[in-house]
Amino acid sequence: MNTKPGYGNIQPEADRGQPEADRGEFEPTSVRPGESRNATVQLRRLFHGLFMFRRGVWEVIASFLIAVGVVMLMQPFMLAAFTYSFIVILIGTVIFIIVSHFPD
């Protein structure tokens, strides 16, 4: 039994007599090196929401378009951005109105 001071008689996870394969150390994965499993799941949900016309993803896109349009409207540097800002805000607003009728 391998006990450490301050832990009482509780053994650490690695010393509880489990084979190494059961500890998840050799678990096969389909995730590429350097890529987390949570990021892959979130991307799948994003694309599923886009293609299945779910409200959450499309609301974020519409809100982003509205915000970009407002920034384009208020910036003093580029006349082209100012010119198209109303169209971008209008498109974002129309998308938001349509999306509000999508299922959750």
C-alpha atoms as a PDB file:
ATOM      1  CA  MET A   1       0.000   0.000   0.000  1.00  0.00           C
ATOM      2  CA  ASN A   2       1.427   3.365  -1.033  1.00  0.00           C
ATOM      3  CA  THR A   3       0.142   6.074   1.278  1.00  0.00           C
ATOM      4  CA  LYS A   4       1.355   9.642   1.334  1.00  0.00           C
ATOM      5  CA  PRO A   5       1.264  12.002   4.294  1.00  0.00           C
ATOM      6  CA  GLY A   6      -1.875  14.113   4.376  1.00  0.00           C
ATOM      7  CA  TYR A   7      -3.983  11.687   2.333  1.00  0.00           C
ATOM      8  CA  GLY A   8      -4.871   9.279   5.124  1.00  0.00           C
ATOM      9  CA  ASN A   9      -5.236   5.677   3.964  1.00  0.00           C
ATOM     10  CA  ILE A  10      -6.793   6.554   0.598  1.00  0.00           C
ATOM     11  CA  GLN A  11      -4.799   5.285  -2.331  1.00  0.00           C
ATOM     12  CA  PRO A  12      -4.349   7.462  -5.421  1.00  0.00           C
ATOM     13  CA  GLU A  13      -6.268   6.461  -8.560  1.00  0.00           C
ATOM     14  CA  ALA A  14      -3.194   4.954 -10.219  1.00  0.00           C
ATOM     15  CA  ASP A  15      -2.444   2.636  -7.290  1.00  0.00           C
ATOM     16  CA  ARG A  16      -5.882   1.053  -6.812  1.00  0.00           C
ATOM     17  CA  GLY A  17      -4.976  -2.143  -8.597  1.00  0.00           C
ATOM     18  CA  GLN A  18      -6.572  -1.373 -11.956  1.00  0.00           C
ATOM     19  CA  PRO A  19      -4.816  -2.555 -15.088  1.00  0.00           C
ATOM     20  CA  GLU A  20      -3.287   0.249 -17.152  1.00  0.00           C
ATOM     21  CA  ALA A  21      -5.768  -0.289 -19.999  1.00  0.00           C
ATOM     22  CA  ASP A  22      -8.718   0.363 -17.664  1.00  0.00           C
ATOM     23  CA  ARG A  23      -7.348   3.714 -16.528  1.00  0.00           C
ATOM     24  CA  GLY A  24      -7.948   5.277 -19.922  1.00  0.00           C
ATOM     25  CA  GLU A  25      -4.254   5.605 -20.746  1.00  0.00           C
ATOM     26  CA  PHE A  26      -4.517   3.474 -23.856  1.00  0.00           C
ATOM     27  CA  GLU A  27      -7.968   4.565 -24.930  1.00  0.00           C
ATOM     28  CA  PRO A  28      -8.271   4.681 -28.729  1.00  0.00           C
ATOM     29  CA  THR A  29      -9.536   7.997 -30.019  1.00  0.00           C
ATOM     30  CA  SER A  30     -10.582   9.438 -33.338  1.00  0.00           C
ATOM     31  CA  VAL A  31      -9.357  12.902 -32.377  1.00  0.00           C
ATOM     32  CA  ARG A  32      -6.241  14.235 -34.087  1.00  0.00           C
ATOM     33  CA  PRO A  33      -3.205  15.097 -31.958  1.00  0.00           C
ATOM     34  CA  GLY A  34      -3.445  18.624 -30.585  1.00  0.00           C
ATOM     35  CA  GLU A  35      -7.220  18.732 -31.014  1.00  0.00           C
ATOM     36  CA  SER A  36      -9.497  18.421 -28.031  1.00  0.00           C
ATOM     37  CA  ARG A  37     -12.524  16.172 -28.043  1.00  0.00           C
ATOM     38  CA  ASN A  38     -14.757  19.027 -26.857  1.00  0.00           C
ATOM     39  CA  ALA A  39     -13.852  21.173 -29.878  1.00  0.00           C
ATOM     40  CA  THR A  40     -14.822  18.345 -32.219  1.00  0.00           C
ATOM     41  CA  VAL A  41     -18.170  17.876 -30.490  1.00  0.00           C
ATOM     42  CA  GLN A  42     -18.851  21.622 -30.598  1.00  0.00           C
ATOM     43  CA  LEU A  43     -18.074  21.771 -34.325  1.00  0.00           C
ATOM     44  CA  ARG A  44     -20.425  18.876 -34.995  1.00  0.00           C
ATOM     45  CA  ARG A  45     -23.200  20.637 -33.060  1.00  0.00           C
ATOM     46  CA  LEU A  46     -22.531  23.867 -34.952  1.00  0.00           C
ATOM     47  CA  PHE A  47     -22.781  22.248 -38.378  1.00  0.00           C
ATOM     48  CA  HIS A  48     -25.766  20.152 -37.328  1.00  0.00           C
ATOM     49  CA  GLY A  49     -27.522  23.320 -36.140  1.00  0.00           C
ATOM     50  CA  LEU A  50     -26.727  25.120 -39.382  1.00  0.00           C
ATOM     51  CA  PHE A  51     -27.942  22.381 -41.675  1.00  0.00           C
ATOM     52  CA  MET A  52     -30.963  21.376 -39.616  1.00  0.00           C
ATOM     53  CA  PHE A  53     -32.142  25.005 -39.263  1.00  0.00           C
ATOM     54  CA  ARG A  54     -31.956  25.209 -35.486  1.00  0.00           C
ATOM     55  CA  ARG A  55     -32.493  28.540 -33.784  1.00  0.00           C
ATOM     56  CA  GLY A  56     -29.370  28.836 -31.621  1.00  0.00           C
ATOM     57  CA  VAL A  57     -26.691  28.843 -34.312  1.00  0.00           C
ATOM     58  CA  TRP A  58     -28.608  31.064 -36.711  1.00  0.00           C
ATOM     59  CA  GLU A  59     -29.412  33.598 -33.972  1.00  0.00           C
ATOM     60  CA  VAL A  60     -25.699  33.949 -33.260  1.00  0.00           C
ATOM     61  CA  ILE A  61     -24.982  34.515 -36.965  1.00  0.00           C
ATOM     62  CA  ALA A  62     -27.771  37.090 -37.269  1.00  0.00           C
ATOM     63  CA  SER A  63     -26.627  38.914 -34.137  1.00  0.00           C
ATOM     64  CA  PHE A  64     -23.062  38.924 -35.431  1.00  0.00           C
ATOM     65  CA  LEU A  65     -24.213  40.433 -38.735  1.00  0.00           C
ATOM     66  CA  ILE A  66     -26.140  43.155 -36.918  1.00  0.00           C
ATOM     67  CA  ALA A  67     -23.106  43.964 -34.739  1.00  0.00           C
ATOM     68  CA  VAL A  68     -20.788  44.081 -37.767  1.00  0.00           C
ATOM     69  CA  GLY A  69     -23.244  46.379 -39.532  1.00  0.00           C
ATOM     70  CA  VAL A  70     -23.338  48.757 -36.570  1.00  0.00           C
ATOM     71  CA  VAL A  71     -19.517  48.842 -36.424  1.00  0.00           C
ATOM     72  CA  MET A  72     -19.437  49.511 -40.176  1.00  0.00           C
ATOM     73  CA  LEU A  73     -21.926  52.337 -39.665  1.00  0.00           C
ATOM     74  CA  MET A  74     -19.956  54.032 -36.895  1.00  0.00           C
ATOM     75  CA  GLN A  75     -16.415  53.810 -38.266  1.00  0.00           C
ATOM     76  CA  PRO A  76     -15.051  56.980 -39.914  1.00  0.00           C
ATOM     77  CA  PHE A  77     -12.320  55.430 -42.099  1.00  0.00           C
ATOM     78  CA  MET A  78     -13.874  53.596 -45.063  1.00  0.00           C
ATOM     79  CA  LEU A  79     -16.715  55.009 -47.098  1.00  0.00           C
ATOM     80  CA  ALA A  80     -17.455  51.603 -48.691  1.00  0.00           C
ATOM     81  CA  ALA A  81     -18.026  50.022 -45.264  1.00  0.00           C
ATOM     82  CA  PHE A  82     -20.314  52.913 -44.309  1.00  0.00           C
ATOM     83  CA  THR A  83     -22.204  52.526 -47.620  1.00  0.00           C
ATOM     84  CA  TYR A  84     -22.955  48.825 -47.088  1.00  0.00           C
ATOM     85  CA  SER A  85     -23.593  49.033 -43.341  1.00  0.00           C
ATOM     86  CA  PHE A  86     -27.355  49.535 -43.661  1.00  0.00           C
ATOM     87  CA  ILE A  87     -27.647  46.527 -45.985  1.00  0.00           C
ATOM     88  CA  VAL A  88     -25.699  44.343 -43.533  1.00  0.00           C
ATOM     89  CA  ILE A  89     -27.865  45.475 -40.594  1.00  0.00           C
ATOM     90  CA  LEU A  90     -31.015  44.869 -42.644  1.00  0.00           C
ATOM     91  CA  ILE A  91     -29.910  41.363 -43.694  1.00  0.00           C
ATOM     92  CA  GLY A  92     -29.024  40.491 -40.076  1.00  0.00           C
ATOM     93  CA  THR A  93     -32.392  41.768 -38.861  1.00  0.00           C
ATOM     94  CA  VAL A  94     -34.343  39.836 -41.500  1.00  0.00           C
ATOM     95  CA  ILE A  95     -32.387  36.657 -40.712  1.00  0.00           C
ATOM     96  CA  PHE A  96     -33.082  37.154 -36.997  1.00  0.00           C
ATOM     97  CA  ILE A  97     -36.821  37.570 -37.637  1.00  0.00           C
ATOM     98  CA  ILE A  98     -36.938  34.444 -39.807  1.00  0.00           C
ATOM     99  CA  VAL A  99     -34.816  32.426 -37.372  1.00  0.00           C
ATOM    100  CA  SER A 100     -37.069  33.316 -34.459  1.00  0.00           C
ATOM    101  CA  HIS A 101     -39.613  30.963 -36.035  1.00  0.00           C
ATOM    102  CA  PHE A 102     -37.182  28.004 -36.174  1.00  0.00           C
ATOM    103  CA  PRO A 103     -37.441  25.213 -33.574  1.00  0.00           C
ATOM    104  CA  ASP A 104     -35.085  25.235 -30.613  1.00  0.00           C
END
